[in-house]
Amino acid sequence: MRGQEAVKFVERRFQPVVENCDGCGRIVEEEGVHYCRSYSIPEAKWRVGICNFATHKKPEMNIVKSTINPLKAAKRSSKKK
């Protein structure tokens, strides 16, 4: 991968962040290079979708409201009484 760019940062090997990480609160700058404080290979977190450590982007939650048959709803409420 990017083995030459990997740097020893706090006793672990870290690679520089990718452009998707810009604006994240977990970025640390060391010697003019930005590193992720939480994950050593930030490029791998962005392959599938949004990084789960990202503080600047949140996944969109789609809430689907399902319709309930009024007859079934009436039966359920009568059973609870």
PDB file of N, CA and C in Angstrom:
ATOM      1  N   MET A   1       0.825  -1.176   0.000  1.00  0.00           N
ATOM      2  CA  MET A   1       0.000   0.000   0.000  1.00  0.00           C
ATOM      3  C   MET A   1       0.869   1.237   0.000  1.00  0.00           C
ATOM      4  N   ARG A   2       0.823   1.992   1.032  1.00  0.00           N
ATOM      5  CA  ARG A   2       1.610   3.203   1.139  1.00  0.00           C
ATOM      6  C   ARG A   2       2.654   3.019   2.223  1.00  0.00           C
ATOM      7  N   GLY A   3       3.403   1.953   2.158  1.00  0.00           N
ATOM      8  CA  GLY A   3       4.369   1.589   3.186  1.00  0.00           C
ATOM      9  C   GLY A   3       5.442   2.623   3.403  1.00  0.00           C
ATOM     10  N   GLN A   4       5.858   3.317   2.345  1.00  0.00           N
ATOM     11  CA  GLN A   4       6.917   4.305   2.512  1.00  0.00           C
ATOM     12  C   GLN A   4       6.414   5.521   3.270  1.00  0.00           C
ATOM     13  N   GLU A   5       5.122   5.836   3.139  1.00  0.00           N
ATOM     14  CA  GLU A   5       4.577   7.015   3.792  1.00  0.00           C
ATOM     15  C   GLU A   5       4.171   6.748   5.235  1.00  0.00           C
ATOM     16  N   ALA A   6       4.131   5.489   5.634  1.00  0.00           N
ATOM     17  CA  ALA A   6       3.738   5.159   7.001  1.00  0.00           C
ATOM     18  C   ALA A   6       4.774   5.698   7.968  1.00  0.00           C
ATOM     19  N   VAL A   7       4.304   6.250   9.054  1.00  0.00           N
ATOM     20  CA  VAL A   7       5.183   6.902  10.018  1.00  0.00           C
ATOM     21  C   VAL A   7       4.884   6.346  11.397  1.00  0.00           C
ATOM     22  N   LYS A   8       5.898   6.255  12.210  1.00  0.00           N
ATOM     23  CA  LYS A   8       5.695   5.811  13.581  1.00  0.00           C
ATOM     24  C   LYS A   8       5.154   7.000  14.367  1.00  0.00           C
ATOM     25  N   PHE A   9       3.919   6.912  14.808  1.00  0.00           N
ATOM     26  CA  PHE A   9       3.238   7.986  15.523  1.00  0.00           C
ATOM     27  C   PHE A   9       2.651   7.376  16.788  1.00  0.00           C
ATOM     28  N   VAL A  10       3.159   7.761  17.916  1.00  0.00           N
ATOM     29  CA  VAL A  10       2.742   7.249  19.217  1.00  0.00           C
ATOM     30  C   VAL A  10       2.863   5.724  19.253  1.00  0.00           C
ATOM     31  N   GLU A  11       4.022   5.234  18.913  1.00  0.00           N
ATOM     32  CA  GLU A  11       4.389   3.820  18.982  1.00  0.00           C
ATOM     33  C   GLU A  11       3.587   2.900  18.056  1.00  0.00           C
ATOM     34  N   ARG A  12       2.848   3.450  17.101  1.00  0.00           N
ATOM     35  CA  ARG A  12       2.159   2.637  16.102  1.00  0.00           C
ATOM     36  C   ARG A  12       2.450   3.225  14.734  1.00  0.00           C
ATOM     37  N   ARG A  13       2.208   2.456  13.691  1.00  0.00           N
ATOM     38  CA  ARG A  13       2.441   2.957  12.344  1.00  0.00           C
ATOM     39  C   ARG A  13       1.152   3.583  11.810  1.00  0.00           C
ATOM     40  N   PHE A  14       1.253   4.826  11.412  1.00  0.00           N
ATOM     41  CA  PHE A  14       0.113   5.563  10.886  1.00  0.00           C
ATOM     42  C   PHE A  14       0.414   6.050   9.482  1.00  0.00           C
ATOM     43  N   GLN A  15      -0.613   6.091   8.657  1.00  0.00           N
ATOM     44  CA  GLN A  15      -0.488   6.641   7.312  1.00  0.00           C
ATOM     45  C   GLN A  15      -1.205   7.986   7.272  1.00  0.00           C
ATOM     46  N   PRO A  16      -0.784   8.888   6.398  1.00  0.00           N
ATOM     47  CA  PRO A  16      -1.450  10.194   6.300  1.00  0.00           C
ATOM     48  C   PRO A  16      -2.921  10.042   5.910  1.00  0.00           C
ATOM     49  N   VAL A  17      -3.729  11.006   6.334  1.00  0.00           N
ATOM     50  CA  VAL A  17      -5.163  10.967   6.051  1.00  0.00           C
ATOM     51  C   VAL A  17      -5.425  11.242   4.575  1.00  0.00           C
ATOM     52  N   VAL A  18      -6.589  10.815   4.115  1.00  0.00           N
ATOM     53  CA  VAL A  18      -7.021  11.061   2.737  1.00  0.00           C
ATOM     54  C   VAL A  18      -7.883  12.325   2.718  1.00  0.00           C
ATOM     55  N   GLU A  19      -8.243  12.814   1.533  1.00  0.00           N
ATOM     56  CA  GLU A  19      -8.994  14.071   1.459  1.00  0.00           C
ATOM     57  C   GLU A  19     -10.396  13.955   2.040  1.00  0.00           C
ATOM     58  N   ASN A  20     -10.956  12.754   2.141  1.00  0.00           N
ATOM     59  CA  ASN A  20     -12.267  12.584   2.778  1.00  0.00           C
ATOM     60  C   ASN A  20     -12.222  12.904   4.263  1.00  0.00           C
ATOM     61  N   CYS A  21     -11.059  12.840   4.861  1.00  0.00           N
ATOM     62  CA  CYS A  21     -10.907  13.082   6.295  1.00  0.00           C
ATOM     63  C   CYS A  21     -10.813  14.565   6.643  1.00  0.00           C
ATOM     64  N   ASP A  22     -10.706  15.443   5.642  1.00  0.00           N
ATOM     65  CA  ASP A  22     -10.581  16.877   5.916  1.00  0.00           C
ATOM     66  C   ASP A  22     -11.785  17.374   6.704  1.00  0.00           C
ATOM     67  N   GLY A  23     -11.535  18.037   7.821  1.00  0.00           N
ATOM     68  CA  GLY A  23     -12.590  18.560   8.670  1.00  0.00           C
ATOM     69  C   GLY A  23     -12.915  17.674   9.854  1.00  0.00           C
ATOM     70  N   CYS A  24     -12.327  16.514   9.933  1.00  0.00           N
ATOM     71  CA  CYS A  24     -12.591  15.587  11.037  1.00  0.00           C
ATOM     72  C   CYS A  24     -11.915  16.089  12.312  1.00  0.00           C
ATOM     73  N   GLY A  25     -12.536  15.843  13.447  1.00  0.00           N
ATOM     74  CA  GLY A  25     -11.992  16.269  14.728  1.00  0.00           C
ATOM     75  C   GLY A  25     -10.922  15.350  15.272  1.00  0.00           C
ATOM     76  N   ARG A  26     -10.672  14.244  14.634  1.00  0.00           N
ATOM     77  CA  ARG A  26      -9.681  13.277  15.112  1.00  0.00           C
ATOM     78  C   ARG A  26      -8.332  13.405  14.408  1.00  0.00           C
ATOM     79  N   ILE A  27      -8.165  14.431  13.588  1.00  0.00           N
ATOM     80  CA  ILE A  27      -6.912  14.611  12.857  1.00  0.00           C
ATOM     81  C   ILE A  27      -5.882  15.289  13.753  1.00  0.00           C
ATOM     82  N   VAL A  28      -4.668  14.762  13.731  1.00  0.00           N
ATOM     83  CA  VAL A  28      -3.542  15.311  14.484  1.00  0.00           C
ATOM     84  C   VAL A  28      -2.451  15.662  13.487  1.00  0.00           C
ATOM     85  N   GLU A  29      -1.821  16.817  13.685  1.00  0.00           N
ATOM     86  CA  GLU A  29      -0.736  17.211  12.791  1.00  0.00           C
ATOM     87  C   GLU A  29       0.590  16.969  13.481  1.00  0.00           C
ATOM     88  N   GLU A  30       1.462  16.254  12.799  1.00  0.00           N
ATOM     89  CA  GLU A  30       2.799  15.963  13.316  1.00  0.00           C
ATOM     90  C   GLU A  30       3.792  16.192  12.190  1.00  0.00           C
ATOM     91  N   GLU A  31       4.714  17.085  12.396  1.00  0.00           N
ATOM     92  CA  GLU A  31       5.755  17.424  11.422  1.00  0.00           C
ATOM     93  C   GLU A  31       5.167  17.836  10.075  1.00  0.00           C
ATOM     94  N   GLY A  32       4.067  18.572  10.100  1.00  0.00           N
ATOM     95  CA  GLY A  32       3.451  19.074   8.875  1.00  0.00           C
ATOM     96  C   GLY A  32       2.581  18.086   8.137  1.00  0.00           C
ATOM     97  N   VAL A  33       2.421  16.883   8.651  1.00  0.00           N
ATOM     98  CA  VAL A  33       1.593  15.857   8.013  1.00  0.00           C
ATOM     99  C   VAL A  33       0.430  15.546   8.944  1.00  0.00           C
ATOM    100  N   HIS A  34      -0.756  15.357   8.378  1.00  0.00           N
ATOM    101  CA  HIS A  34      -1.955  15.075   9.161  1.00  0.00           C
ATOM    102  C   HIS A  34      -2.164  13.566   9.283  1.00  0.00           C
ATOM    103  N   TYR A  35      -2.459  13.118  10.511  1.00  0.00           N
ATOM    104  CA  TYR A  35      -2.704  11.705  10.802  1.00  0.00           C
ATOM    105  C   TYR A  35      -4.018  11.568  11.551  1.00  0.00           C
ATOM    106  N   CYS A  36      -4.658  10.414  11.395  1.00  0.00           N
ATOM    107  CA  CYS A  36      -5.863  10.107  12.159  1.00  0.00           C
ATOM    108  C   CYS A  36      -5.443   9.568  13.516  1.00  0.00           C
ATOM    109  N   ARG A  37      -6.041  10.110  14.558  1.00  0.00           N
ATOM    110  CA  ARG A  37      -5.705   9.702  15.914  1.00  0.00           C
ATOM    111  C   ARG A  37      -6.307   8.334  16.253  1.00  0.00           C
ATOM    112  N   SER A  38      -7.384   7.943  15.578  1.00  0.00           N
ATOM    113  CA  SER A  38      -8.108   6.722  15.927  1.00  0.00           C
ATOM    114  C   SER A  38      -7.747   5.501  15.092  1.00  0.00           C
ATOM    115  N   TYR A  39      -7.331   5.711  13.857  1.00  0.00           N
ATOM    116  CA  TYR A  39      -7.124   4.571  12.963  1.00  0.00           C
ATOM    117  C   TYR A  39      -5.836   4.756  12.182  1.00  0.00           C
ATOM    118  N   SER A  40      -5.068   3.701  12.040  1.00  0.00           N
ATOM    119  CA  SER A  40      -3.752   3.809  11.412  1.00  0.00           C
ATOM    120  C   SER A  40      -3.803   3.858   9.887  1.00  0.00           C
ATOM    121  N   ILE A  41      -4.844   3.300   9.278  1.00  0.00           N
ATOM    122  CA  ILE A  41      -4.955   3.306   7.815  1.00  0.00           C
ATOM    123  C   ILE A  41      -6.303   3.948   7.450  1.00  0.00           C
ATOM    124  N   PRO A  42      -6.379   5.276   7.418  1.00  0.00           N
ATOM    125  CA  PRO A  42      -7.664   5.934   7.166  1.00  0.00           C
ATOM    126  C   PRO A  42      -8.236   5.666   5.778  1.00  0.00           C
ATOM    127  N   GLU A  43      -7.395   5.363   4.819  1.00  0.00           N
ATOM    128  CA  GLU A  43      -7.873   5.083   3.461  1.00  0.00           C
ATOM    129  C   GLU A  43      -8.800   3.862   3.450  1.00  0.00           C
ATOM    130  N   ALA A  44      -8.510   2.873   4.280  1.00  0.00           N
ATOM    131  CA  ALA A  44      -9.313   1.644   4.325  1.00  0.00           C
ATOM    132  C   ALA A  44     -10.707   1.897   4.882  1.00  0.00           C
ATOM    133  N   LYS A  45     -10.852   2.868   5.775  1.00  0.00           N
ATOM    134  CA  LYS A  45     -12.162   3.163   6.358  1.00  0.00           C
ATOM    135  C   LYS A  45     -13.108   3.807   5.355  1.00  0.00           C
ATOM    136  N   TRP A  46     -12.571   4.485   4.351  1.00  0.00           N
ATOM    137  CA  TRP A  46     -13.398   5.182   3.373  1.00  0.00           C
ATOM    138  C   TRP A  46     -13.695   4.342   2.137  1.00  0.00           C
ATOM    139  N   ARG A  47     -13.198   3.127   2.037  1.00  0.00           N
ATOM    140  CA  ARG A  47     -13.427   2.298   0.841  1.00  0.00           C
ATOM    141  C   ARG A  47     -14.884   1.909   0.678  1.00  0.00           C
ATOM    142  N   VAL A  48     -15.507   1.497   1.755  1.00  0.00           N
ATOM    143  CA  VAL A  48     -16.873   0.994   1.690  1.00  0.00           C
ATOM    144  C   VAL A  48     -17.898   2.125   1.693  1.00  0.00           C
ATOM    145  N   GLY A  49     -17.637   3.162   2.439  1.00  0.00           N
ATOM    146  CA  GLY A  49     -18.584   4.274   2.564  1.00  0.00           C
ATOM    147  C   GLY A  49     -18.019   5.299   3.518  1.00  0.00           C
ATOM    148  N   ILE A  50     -18.852   5.768   4.427  1.00  0.00           N
ATOM    149  CA  ILE A  50     -18.427   6.772   5.401  1.00  0.00           C
ATOM    150  C   ILE A  50     -17.648   6.089   6.517  1.00  0.00           C
ATOM    151  N   CYS A  51     -16.558   6.713   6.914  1.00  0.00           N
ATOM    152  CA  CYS A  51     -15.732   6.203   8.015  1.00  0.00           C
ATOM    153  C   CYS A  51     -16.538   6.262   9.304  1.00  0.00           C
ATOM    154  N   ASN A  52     -16.508   5.209  10.092  1.00  0.00           N
ATOM    155  CA  ASN A  52     -17.273   5.199  11.335  1.00  0.00           C
ATOM    156  C   ASN A  52     -16.636   6.057  12.420  1.00  0.00           C
ATOM    157  N   PHE A  53     -15.398   6.510  12.227  1.00  0.00           N
ATOM    158  CA  PHE A  53     -14.758   7.411  13.179  1.00  0.00           C
ATOM    159  C   PHE A  53     -14.963   8.876  12.806  1.00  0.00           C
ATOM    160  N   ALA A  54     -15.531   9.176  11.658  1.00  0.00           N
ATOM    161  CA  ALA A  54     -15.651  10.551  11.167  1.00  0.00           C
ATOM    162  C   ALA A  54     -16.556  11.375  12.077  1.00  0.00           C
ATOM    163  N   THR A  55     -16.064  12.557  12.461  1.00  0.00           N
ATOM    164  CA  THR A  55     -16.863  13.465  13.285  1.00  0.00           C
ATOM    165  C   THR A  55     -17.525  14.538  12.440  1.00  0.00           C
ATOM    166  N   HIS A  56     -17.118  14.693  11.207  1.00  0.00           N
ATOM    167  CA  HIS A  56     -17.637  15.755  10.354  1.00  0.00           C
ATOM    168  C   HIS A  56     -18.722  15.285   9.391  1.00  0.00           C
ATOM    169  N   LYS A  57     -18.918  13.996   9.258  1.00  0.00           N
ATOM    170  CA  LYS A  57     -19.959  13.448   8.383  1.00  0.00           C
ATOM    171  C   LYS A  57     -20.720  12.373   9.144  1.00  0.00           C
ATOM    172  N   LYS A  58     -22.019  12.395   8.991  1.00  0.00           N
ATOM    173  CA  LYS A  58     -22.867  11.398   9.640  1.00  0.00           C
ATOM    174  C   LYS A  58     -23.668  10.659   8.572  1.00  0.00           C
ATOM    175  N   PRO A  59     -23.899   9.372   8.764  1.00  0.00           N
ATOM    176  CA  PRO A  59     -24.704   8.632   7.782  1.00  0.00           C
ATOM    177  C   PRO A  59     -26.155   9.103   7.814  1.00  0.00           C
ATOM    178  N   GLU A  60     -26.787   9.089   6.662  1.00  0.00           N
ATOM    179  CA  GLU A  60     -28.186   9.488   6.577  1.00  0.00           C
ATOM    180  C   GLU A  60     -29.071   8.346   7.048  1.00  0.00           C
ATOM    181  N   MET A  61     -29.984   8.667   7.925  1.00  0.00           N
ATOM    182  CA  MET A  61     -30.911   7.674   8.450  1.00  0.00           C
ATOM    183  C   MET A  61     -32.268   7.884   7.782  1.00  0.00           C
ATOM    184  N   ASN A  62     -32.737   6.901   7.065  1.00  0.00           N
ATOM    185  CA  ASN A  62     -34.040   6.963   6.415  1.00  0.00           C
ATOM    186  C   ASN A  62     -35.051   6.237   7.281  1.00  0.00           C
ATOM    187  N   ILE A  63     -35.983   6.993   7.836  1.00  0.00           N
ATOM    188  CA  ILE A  63     -37.021   6.408   8.678  1.00  0.00           C
ATOM    189  C   ILE A  63     -38.263   6.230   7.814  1.00  0.00           C
ATOM    190  N   VAL A  64     -38.683   4.996   7.698  1.00  0.00           N
ATOM    191  CA  VAL A  64     -39.843   4.674   6.875  1.00  0.00           C
ATOM    192  C   VAL A  64     -41.017   4.418   7.802  1.00  0.00           C
ATOM    193  N   LYS A  65     -42.048   5.205   7.614  1.00  0.00           N
ATOM    194  CA  LYS A  65     -43.245   5.021   8.428  1.00  0.00           C
ATOM    195  C   LYS A  65     -44.182   4.084   7.678  1.00  0.00           C
ATOM    196  N   SER A  66     -44.453   2.953   8.277  1.00  0.00           N
ATOM    197  CA  SER A  66     -45.310   1.973   7.619  1.00  0.00           C
ATOM    198  C   SER A  66     -46.768   2.230   7.977  1.00  0.00           C
ATOM    199  N   THR A  67     -47.620   1.913   7.053  1.00  0.00           N
ATOM    200  CA  THR A  67     -49.050   2.079   7.296  1.00  0.00           C
ATOM    201  C   THR A  67     -49.593   0.800   7.920  1.00  0.00           C
ATOM    202  N   ILE A  68     -50.491   0.985   8.853  1.00  0.00           N
ATOM    203  CA  ILE A  68     -51.091  -0.147   9.558  1.00  0.00           C
ATOM    204  C   ILE A  68     -52.550  -0.258   9.125  1.00  0.00           C
ATOM    205  N   ASN A  69     -52.949  -1.466   8.877  1.00  0.00           N
ATOM    206  CA  ASN A  69     -54.334  -1.732   8.526  1.00  0.00           C
ATOM    207  C   ASN A  69     -55.218  -1.291   9.698  1.00  0.00           C
ATOM    208  N   PRO A  70     -56.227  -0.430   9.475  1.00  0.00           N
ATOM    209  CA  PRO A  70     -57.063   0.061  10.571  1.00  0.00           C
ATOM    210  C   PRO A  70     -57.826  -1.047  11.309  1.00  0.00           C
ATOM    211  N   LEU A  71     -58.190  -2.115  10.611  1.00  0.00           N
ATOM    212  CA  LEU A  71     -58.892  -3.215  11.281  1.00  0.00           C
ATOM    213  C   LEU A  71     -57.968  -3.936  12.259  1.00  0.00           C
ATOM    214  N   LYS A  72     -56.718  -4.167  11.841  1.00  0.00           N
ATOM    215  CA  LYS A  72     -55.754  -4.817  12.729  1.00  0.00           C
ATOM    216  C   LYS A  72     -55.419  -3.922  13.912  1.00  0.00           C
ATOM    217  N   ALA A  73     -55.322  -2.624  13.673  1.00  0.00           N
ATOM    218  CA  ALA A  73     -55.020  -1.688  14.753  1.00  0.00           C
ATOM    219  C   ALA A  73     -56.145  -1.685  15.783  1.00  0.00           C
ATOM    220  N   ALA A  74     -57.375  -1.759  15.338  1.00  0.00           N
ATOM    221  CA  ALA A  74     -58.517  -1.788  16.252  1.00  0.00           C
ATOM    222  C   ALA A  74     -58.511  -3.073  17.075  1.00  0.00           C
ATOM    223  N   LYS A  75     -58.181  -4.192  16.458  1.00  0.00           N
ATOM    224  CA  LYS A  75     -58.120  -5.466  17.184  1.00  0.00           C
ATOM    225  C   LYS A  75     -57.013  -5.441  18.235  1.00  0.00           C
ATOM    226  N   ARG A  76     -55.859  -4.882  17.876  1.00  0.00           N
ATOM    227  CA  ARG A  76     -54.742  -4.818  18.825  1.00  0.00           C
ATOM    228  C   ARG A  76     -55.085  -3.949  20.021  1.00  0.00           C
ATOM    229  N   SER A  77     -55.727  -2.821  19.773  1.00  0.00           N
ATOM    230  CA  SER A  77     -56.055  -1.931  20.887  1.00  0.00           C
ATOM    231  C   SER A  77     -57.133  -2.536  21.782  1.00  0.00           C
ATOM    232  N   SER A  78     -58.061  -3.318  21.207  1.00  0.00           N
ATOM    233  CA  SER A  78     -59.104  -3.941  22.029  1.00  0.00           C
ATOM    234  C   SER A  78     -58.536  -5.076  22.879  1.00  0.00           C
ATOM    235  N   LYS A  79     -57.483  -5.749  22.417  1.00  0.00           N
ATOM    236  CA  LYS A  79     -56.860  -6.828  23.186  1.00  0.00           C
ATOM    237  C   LYS A  79     -56.102  -6.291  24.386  1.00  0.00           C
ATOM    238  N   LYS A  80     -55.581  -5.082  24.286  1.00  0.00           N
ATOM    239  CA  LYS A  80     -54.789  -4.502  25.369  1.00  0.00           C
ATOM    240  C   LYS A  80     -55.651  -4.075  26.549  1.00  0.00           C
ATOM    241  N   LYS A  81     -56.935  -3.827  26.326  1.00  0.00           N
ATOM    242  CA  LYS A  81     -57.820  -3.348  27.405  1.00  0.00           C
ATOM    243  C   LYS A  81     -58.212  -4.414  28.350  1.00  0.00           C
TER     244      LYS A  81
END
